[in-house]
């Protein structure tokens, strides 16, 4: 997935160090400190419902309620 701040603002965030190596010339020097201790990024989609139409998205979702989903309290 493409970081929204990189896409719209042409900036990078500390999470970008998980995608680019420490020696990458694409990262500003102030972000290199975050790449020493790389940790996994976990994304948990609590529901399938989504009102976006992102071209790069893998989820086939629409803005409607799907059967057998967890409630916010359950998730």
PDB file of N, CA and C in Angstrom:
ATOM      1  N   UNK A   1       0.829  -1.179   0.000  1.00  0.00           N
ATOM      2  CA  UNK A   1       0.000   0.000   0.000  1.00  0.00           C
ATOM      3  C   UNK A   1       0.877   1.247   0.000  1.00  0.00           C
ATOM      4  N   UNK A   2       0.362   2.292  -0.538  1.00  0.00           N
ATOM      5  CA  UNK A   2       1.084   3.550  -0.623  1.00  0.00           C
ATOM      6  C   UNK A   2       0.687   4.423   0.558  1.00  0.00           C
ATOM      7  N   UNK A   3       1.688   4.971   1.253  1.00  0.00           N
ATOM      8  CA  UNK A   3       1.410   5.862   2.363  1.00  0.00           C
ATOM      9  C   UNK A   3       0.693   7.115   1.891  1.00  0.00           C
ATOM     10  N   UNK A   4      -0.367   7.496   2.576  1.00  0.00           N
ATOM     11  CA  UNK A   4      -1.176   8.634   2.150  1.00  0.00           C
ATOM     12  C   UNK A   4      -0.382   9.932   2.216  1.00  0.00           C
ATOM     13  N   UNK A   5       0.482  10.091   3.230  1.00  0.00           N
ATOM     14  CA  UNK A   5       1.271  11.321   3.321  1.00  0.00           C
ATOM     15  C   UNK A   5       2.305  11.396   2.205  1.00  0.00           C
ATOM     16  N   UNK A   6       2.811  10.243   1.779  1.00  0.00           N
ATOM     17  CA  UNK A   6       3.755  10.239   0.665  1.00  0.00           C
ATOM     18  C   UNK A   6       3.030  10.547  -0.640  1.00  0.00           C
ATOM     19  N   UNK A   7       1.841  10.024  -0.783  1.00  0.00           N
ATOM     20  CA  UNK A   7       1.071  10.207  -1.999  1.00  0.00           C
ATOM     21  C   UNK A   7       0.626  11.658  -2.184  1.00  0.00           C
ATOM     22  N   UNK A   8       0.095  12.256  -1.133  1.00  0.00           N
ATOM     23  CA  UNK A   8      -0.462  13.597  -1.253  1.00  0.00           C
ATOM     24  C   UNK A   8       0.510  14.719  -0.902  1.00  0.00           C
ATOM     25  N   UNK A   9       1.417  14.461   0.019  1.00  0.00           N
ATOM     26  CA  UNK A   9       2.290  15.536   0.499  1.00  0.00           C
ATOM     27  C   UNK A   9       3.742  15.382   0.055  1.00  0.00           C
ATOM     28  N   UNK A  10       4.073  14.291  -0.611  1.00  0.00           N
ATOM     29  CA  UNK A  10       5.449  14.018  -1.039  1.00  0.00           C
ATOM     30  C   UNK A  10       6.413  14.011   0.136  1.00  0.00           C
ATOM     31  N   UNK A  11       5.943  13.505   1.282  1.00  0.00           N
ATOM     32  CA  UNK A  11       6.794  13.382   2.457  1.00  0.00           C
ATOM     33  C   UNK A  11       6.820  11.929   2.898  1.00  0.00           C
ATOM     34  N   UNK A  12       7.800  11.586   3.708  1.00  0.00           N
ATOM     35  CA  UNK A  12       7.878  10.238   4.248  1.00  0.00           C
ATOM     36  C   UNK A  12       7.709  10.288   5.754  1.00  0.00           C
ATOM     37  N   UNK A  13       7.264   9.186   6.319  1.00  0.00           N
ATOM     38  CA  UNK A  13       7.009   9.066   7.742  1.00  0.00           C
ATOM     39  C   UNK A  13       7.869   7.940   8.312  1.00  0.00           C
ATOM     40  N   UNK A  14       7.975   7.824   9.645  1.00  0.00           N
ATOM     41  CA  UNK A  14       8.760   6.735  10.228  1.00  0.00           C
ATOM     42  C   UNK A  14       8.343   5.347   9.750  1.00  0.00           C
ATOM     43  N   UNK A  15       7.084   5.136   9.445  1.00  0.00           N
ATOM     44  CA  UNK A  15       6.642   3.821   8.966  1.00  0.00           C
ATOM     45  C   UNK A  15       7.231   3.478   7.604  1.00  0.00           C
ATOM     46  N   UNK A  16       7.653   4.469   6.840  1.00  0.00           N
ATOM     47  CA  UNK A  16       8.251   4.209   5.531  1.00  0.00           C
ATOM     48  C   UNK A  16       9.578   3.467   5.638  1.00  0.00           C
ATOM     49  N   UNK A  17      10.218   3.524   6.802  1.00  0.00           N
ATOM     50  CA  UNK A  17      11.483   2.807   6.958  1.00  0.00           C
ATOM     51  C   UNK A  17      11.273   1.305   6.934  1.00  0.00           C
ATOM     52  N   UNK A  18      10.055   0.845   7.132  1.00  0.00           N
ATOM     53  CA  UNK A  18       9.773  -0.584   7.036  1.00  0.00           C
ATOM     54  C   UNK A  18       9.768  -1.052   5.589  1.00  0.00           C
ATOM     55  N   UNK A  19       9.530  -0.142   4.662  1.00  0.00           N
ATOM     56  CA  UNK A  19       9.499  -0.493   3.245  1.00  0.00           C
ATOM     57  C   UNK A  19      10.827  -0.253   2.545  1.00  0.00           C
ATOM     58  N   UNK A  20      11.614   0.684   3.047  1.00  0.00           N
ATOM     59  CA  UNK A  20      12.885   1.025   2.418  1.00  0.00           C
ATOM     60  C   UNK A  20      14.019   0.689   3.373  1.00  0.00           C
ATOM     61  N   UNK A  21      15.145   0.283   2.859  1.00  0.00           N
ATOM     62  CA  UNK A  21      16.266  -0.086   3.726  1.00  0.00           C
ATOM     63  C   UNK A  21      16.900   1.153   4.349  1.00  0.00           C
ATOM     64  N   UNK A  22      17.703   0.919   5.367  1.00  0.00           N
ATOM     65  CA  UNK A  22      18.380   1.997   6.081  1.00  0.00           C
ATOM     66  C   UNK A  22      19.273   2.804   5.146  1.00  0.00           C
ATOM     67  N   UNK A  23      19.851   2.163   4.152  1.00  0.00           N
ATOM     68  CA  UNK A  23      20.796   2.830   3.269  1.00  0.00           C
ATOM     69  C   UNK A  23      20.128   3.417   2.030  1.00  0.00           C
ATOM     70  N   UNK A  24      18.828   3.407   2.014  1.00  0.00           N
ATOM     71  CA  UNK A  24      18.112   3.923   0.848  1.00  0.00           C
ATOM     72  C   UNK A  24      18.298   5.431   0.725  1.00  0.00           C
ATOM     73  N   UNK A  25      18.580   5.874  -0.452  1.00  0.00           N
ATOM     74  CA  UNK A  25      18.726   7.317  -0.676  1.00  0.00           C
ATOM     75  C   UNK A  25      17.372   8.013  -0.705  1.00  0.00           C
ATOM     76  N   UNK A  26      16.302   7.237  -0.661  1.00  0.00           N
ATOM     77  CA  UNK A  26      14.963   7.821  -0.691  1.00  0.00           C
ATOM     78  C   UNK A  26      14.512   8.327   0.676  1.00  0.00           C
ATOM     79  N   UNK A  27      15.184   7.889   1.734  1.00  0.00           N
ATOM     80  CA  UNK A  27      14.791   8.313   3.072  1.00  0.00           C
ATOM     81  C   UNK A  27      15.614   9.504   3.535  1.00  0.00           C
ATOM     82  N   UNK A  28      14.979  10.497   4.132  1.00  0.00           N
ATOM     83  CA  UNK A  28      15.738  11.596   4.728  1.00  0.00           C
ATOM     84  C   UNK A  28      16.541  11.086   5.922  1.00  0.00           C
ATOM     85  N   UNK A  29      17.637  11.713   6.206  1.00  0.00           N
ATOM     86  CA  UNK A  29      18.521  11.243   7.275  1.00  0.00           C
ATOM     87  C   UNK A  29      17.833  11.208   8.634  1.00  0.00           C
ATOM     88  N   UNK A  30      16.873  12.091   8.883  1.00  0.00           N
ATOM     89  CA  UNK A  30      16.215  12.093  10.190  1.00  0.00           C
ATOM     90  C   UNK A  30      15.313  10.872  10.395  1.00  0.00           C
ATOM     91  N   UNK A  31      15.036  10.108   9.351  1.00  0.00           N
ATOM     92  CA  UNK A  31      14.231   8.894   9.504  1.00  0.00           C
ATOM     93  C   UNK A  31      15.078   7.631   9.589  1.00  0.00           C
ATOM     94  N   UNK A  32      16.352   7.722   9.320  1.00  0.00           N
ATOM     95  CA  UNK A  32      17.197   6.533   9.353  1.00  0.00           C
ATOM     96  C   UNK A  32      17.257   5.905  10.737  1.00  0.00           C
ATOM     97  N   UNK A  33      17.074   6.701  11.771  1.00  0.00           N
ATOM     98  CA  UNK A  33      17.111   6.164  13.129  1.00  0.00           C
ATOM     99  C   UNK A  33      16.026   5.115  13.364  1.00  0.00           C
ATOM    100  N   UNK A  34      14.942   5.188  12.662  1.00  0.00           N
ATOM    101  CA  UNK A  34      13.846   4.254  12.866  1.00  0.00           C
ATOM    102  C   UNK A  34      14.070   2.913  12.183  1.00  0.00           C
ATOM    103  N   UNK A  35      15.002   2.820  11.278  1.00  0.00           N
ATOM    104  CA  UNK A  35      15.173   1.588  10.516  1.00  0.00           C
ATOM    105  C   UNK A  35      16.091   0.583  11.195  1.00  0.00           C
ATOM    106  N   UNK A  36      16.773   0.965  12.262  1.00  0.00           N
ATOM    107  CA  UNK A  36      17.676   0.036  12.948  1.00  0.00           C
ATOM    108  C   UNK A  36      16.915  -1.133  13.556  1.00  0.00           C
ATOM    109  N   UNK A  37      15.777  -0.873  14.117  1.00  0.00           N
ATOM    110  CA  UNK A  37      15.003  -1.899  14.801  1.00  0.00           C
ATOM    111  C   UNK A  37      13.679  -2.073  14.065  1.00  0.00           C
ATOM    112  N   UNK A  38      13.730  -2.768  12.952  1.00  0.00           N
ATOM    113  CA  UNK A  38      12.512  -2.946  12.151  1.00  0.00           C
ATOM    114  C   UNK A  38      11.546  -3.893  12.852  1.00  0.00           C
ATOM    115  N   UNK A  39      10.308  -3.500  12.876  1.00  0.00           N
ATOM    116  CA  UNK A  39       9.261  -4.315  13.487  1.00  0.00           C
ATOM    117  C   UNK A  39       8.159  -4.533  12.460  1.00  0.00           C
ATOM    118  N   UNK A  40       7.420  -5.622  12.592  1.00  0.00           N
ATOM    119  CA  UNK A  40       6.342  -5.869  11.625  1.00  0.00           C
ATOM    120  C   UNK A  40       5.204  -4.868  11.793  1.00  0.00           C
ATOM    121  N   UNK A  41       4.529  -4.617  10.705  1.00  0.00           N
ATOM    122  CA  UNK A  41       3.349  -3.765  10.727  1.00  0.00           C
ATOM    123  C   UNK A  41       2.135  -4.669  10.589  1.00  0.00           C
ATOM    124  N   UNK A  42       1.206  -4.552  11.517  1.00  0.00           N
ATOM    125  CA  UNK A  42      -0.001  -5.365  11.496  1.00  0.00           C
ATOM    126  C   UNK A  42      -1.184  -4.469  11.167  1.00  0.00           C
ATOM    127  N   UNK A  43      -1.941  -4.857  10.170  1.00  0.00           N
ATOM    128  CA  UNK A  43      -3.154  -4.129   9.805  1.00  0.00           C
ATOM    129  C   UNK A  43      -4.327  -5.071  10.010  1.00  0.00           C
ATOM    130  N   UNK A  44      -5.276  -4.655  10.817  1.00  0.00           N
ATOM    131  CA  UNK A  44      -6.433  -5.487  11.109  1.00  0.00           C
ATOM    132  C   UNK A  44      -7.665  -4.760  10.592  1.00  0.00           C
ATOM    133  N   UNK A  45      -8.240  -5.286   9.541  1.00  0.00           N
ATOM    134  CA  UNK A  45      -9.479  -4.725   9.006  1.00  0.00           C
ATOM    135  C   UNK A  45     -10.627  -5.274   9.838  1.00  0.00           C
ATOM    136  N   UNK A  46     -11.202  -4.431  10.673  1.00  0.00           N
ATOM    137  CA  UNK A  46     -12.246  -4.883  11.589  1.00  0.00           C
ATOM    138  C   UNK A  46     -13.548  -5.196  10.872  1.00  0.00           C
ATOM    139  N   UNK A  47     -13.802  -4.538   9.786  1.00  0.00           N
ATOM    140  CA  UNK A  47     -14.991  -4.817   8.992  1.00  0.00           C
ATOM    141  C   UNK A  47     -14.607  -4.834   7.523  1.00  0.00           C
ATOM    142  N   UNK A  48     -15.489  -5.331   6.714  1.00  0.00           N
ATOM    143  CA  UNK A  48     -15.259  -5.333   5.271  1.00  0.00           C
ATOM    144  C   UNK A  48     -15.793  -4.049   4.636  1.00  0.00           C
ATOM    145  N   UNK A  49     -16.608  -3.325   5.375  1.00  0.00           N
ATOM    146  CA  UNK A  49     -17.248  -2.117   4.860  1.00  0.00           C
ATOM    147  C   UNK A  49     -16.213  -1.020   4.598  1.00  0.00           C
ATOM    148  N   UNK A  50     -16.340  -0.391   3.427  1.00  0.00           N
ATOM    149  CA  UNK A  50     -15.429   0.699   3.077  1.00  0.00           C
ATOM    150  C   UNK A  50     -16.118   1.620   2.078  1.00  0.00           C
ATOM    151  N   UNK A  51     -15.970   2.916   2.296  1.00  0.00           N
ATOM    152  CA  UNK A  51     -16.588   3.879   1.386  1.00  0.00           C
ATOM    153  C   UNK A  51     -15.584   4.467   0.393  1.00  0.00           C
ATOM    154  N   UNK A  52     -14.407   3.867   0.297  1.00  0.00           N
ATOM    155  CA  UNK A  52     -13.382   4.348  -0.627  1.00  0.00           C
ATOM    156  C   UNK A  52     -13.333   3.480  -1.877  1.00  0.00           C
ATOM    157  N   UNK A  53     -12.725   3.967  -2.897  1.00  0.00           N
ATOM    158  CA  UNK A  53     -12.568   3.235  -4.165  1.00  0.00           C
ATOM    159  C   UNK A  53     -11.103   3.287  -4.602  1.00  0.00           C
ATOM    160  N   UNK A  54     -10.210   2.843  -3.750  1.00  0.00           N
ATOM    161  CA  UNK A  54      -8.771   2.915  -4.023  1.00  0.00           C
ATOM    162  C   UNK A  54      -8.385   1.936  -5.130  1.00  0.00           C
ATOM    163  N   UNK A  55      -7.687   2.419  -6.123  1.00  0.00           N
ATOM    164  CA  UNK A  55      -7.287   1.602  -7.267  1.00  0.00           C
ATOM    165  C   UNK A  55      -6.349   0.477  -6.836  1.00  0.00           C
ATOM    166  N   UNK A  56      -5.472   0.744  -5.865  1.00  0.00           N
ATOM    167  CA  UNK A  56      -4.470  -0.230  -5.451  1.00  0.00           C
ATOM    168  C   UNK A  56      -4.968  -1.223  -4.395  1.00  0.00           C
ATOM    169  N   UNK A  57      -6.193  -1.087  -3.926  1.00  0.00           N
ATOM    170  CA  UNK A  57      -6.689  -1.907  -2.819  1.00  0.00           C
ATOM    171  C   UNK A  57      -7.027  -3.326  -3.266  1.00  0.00           C
ATOM    172  N   UNK A  58      -6.713  -4.286  -2.397  1.00  0.00           N
ATOM    173  CA  UNK A  58      -6.983  -5.698  -2.670  1.00  0.00           C
ATOM    174  C   UNK A  58      -8.366  -6.136  -2.189  1.00  0.00           C
ATOM    175  N   UNK A  59      -9.007  -5.365  -1.321  1.00  0.00           N
ATOM    176  CA  UNK A  59     -10.290  -5.757  -0.738  1.00  0.00           C
ATOM    177  C   UNK A  59     -11.442  -5.391  -1.670  1.00  0.00           C
ATOM    178  N   UNK A  60     -12.325  -6.328  -1.865  1.00  0.00           N
ATOM    179  CA  UNK A  60     -13.523  -6.052  -2.670  1.00  0.00           C
ATOM    180  C   UNK A  60     -14.627  -5.634  -1.710  1.00  0.00           C
ATOM    181  N   UNK A  61     -14.630  -4.365  -1.364  1.00  0.00           N
ATOM    182  CA  UNK A  61     -15.552  -3.849  -0.367  1.00  0.00           C
ATOM    183  C   UNK A  61     -16.401  -2.728  -0.925  1.00  0.00           C
ATOM    184  N   UNK A  62     -17.560  -2.591  -0.318  1.00  0.00           N
ATOM    185  CA  UNK A  62     -18.458  -1.494  -0.647  1.00  0.00           C
ATOM    186  C   UNK A  62     -18.972  -0.900   0.653  1.00  0.00           C
ATOM    187  N   UNK A  63     -19.657   0.210   0.568  1.00  0.00           N
ATOM    188  CA  UNK A  63     -20.171   0.887   1.742  1.00  0.00           C
ATOM    189  C   UNK A  63     -21.522   0.297   2.141  1.00  0.00           C
ATOM    190  N   UNK A  64     -21.492  -0.950   2.613  1.00  0.00           N
ATOM    191  CA  UNK A  64     -22.699  -1.616   3.090  1.00  0.00           C
ATOM    192  C   UNK A  64     -22.335  -2.587   4.201  1.00  0.00           C
ATOM    193  N   UNK A  65     -23.344  -3.030   4.929  1.00  0.00           N
ATOM    194  CA  UNK A  65     -23.130  -3.954   6.044  1.00  0.00           C
ATOM    195  C   UNK A  65     -23.087  -5.377   5.503  1.00  0.00           C
ATOM    196  N   UNK A  66     -22.034  -6.119   5.841  1.00  0.00           N
ATOM    197  CA  UNK A  66     -21.875  -7.502   5.399  1.00  0.00           C
ATOM    198  C   UNK A  66     -22.296  -8.456   6.516  1.00  0.00           C
ATOM    199  N   UNK A  67     -22.756  -9.640   6.142  1.00  0.00           N
ATOM    200  CA  UNK A  67     -23.174 -10.653   7.114  1.00  0.00           C
ATOM    201  C   UNK A  67     -21.978 -11.199   7.884  1.00  0.00           C
ATOM    202  N   UNK A  68     -22.234 -11.635   9.114  1.00  0.00           N
ATOM    203  CA  UNK A  68     -21.270 -12.341   9.961  1.00  0.00           C
ATOM    204  C   UNK A  68     -20.017 -11.542  10.284  1.00  0.00           C
ATOM    205  N   UNK A  69     -20.120 -10.239  10.369  1.00  0.00           N
ATOM    206  CA  UNK A  69     -18.976  -9.427  10.766  1.00  0.00           C
ATOM    207  C   UNK A  69     -18.994  -9.186  12.267  1.00  0.00           C
ATOM    208  N   UNK A  70     -17.819  -8.968  12.825  1.00  0.00           N
ATOM    209  CA  UNK A  70     -17.722  -8.624  14.232  1.00  0.00           C
ATOM    210  C   UNK A  70     -18.213  -7.199  14.452  1.00  0.00           C
ATOM    211  N   UNK A  71     -18.762  -6.964  15.622  1.00  0.00           N
ATOM    212  CA  UNK A  71     -19.097  -5.594  15.996  1.00  0.00           C
ATOM    213  C   UNK A  71     -17.812  -4.919  16.467  1.00  0.00           C
ATOM    214  N   UNK A  72     -17.854  -3.624  16.670  1.00  0.00           N
ATOM    215  CA  UNK A  72     -16.678  -2.921  17.180  1.00  0.00           C
ATOM    216  C   UNK A  72     -16.302  -3.441  18.564  1.00  0.00           C
ATOM    217  N   UNK A  73     -17.292  -3.768  19.378  1.00  0.00           N
ATOM    218  CA  UNK A  73     -17.027  -4.290  20.717  1.00  0.00           C
ATOM    219  C   UNK A  73     -16.356  -5.664  20.650  1.00  0.00           C
ATOM    220  N   UNK A  74     -16.800  -6.516  19.745  1.00  0.00           N
ATOM    221  CA  UNK A  74     -16.230  -7.855  19.606  1.00  0.00           C
ATOM    222  C   UNK A  74     -14.800  -7.822  19.077  1.00  0.00           C
ATOM    223  N   UNK A  75     -14.540  -6.910  18.185  1.00  0.00           N
ATOM    224  CA  UNK A  75     -13.209  -6.874  17.600  1.00  0.00           C
ATOM    225  C   UNK A  75     -12.257  -6.130  18.509  1.00  0.00           C
TER     226      UNK A  75
END
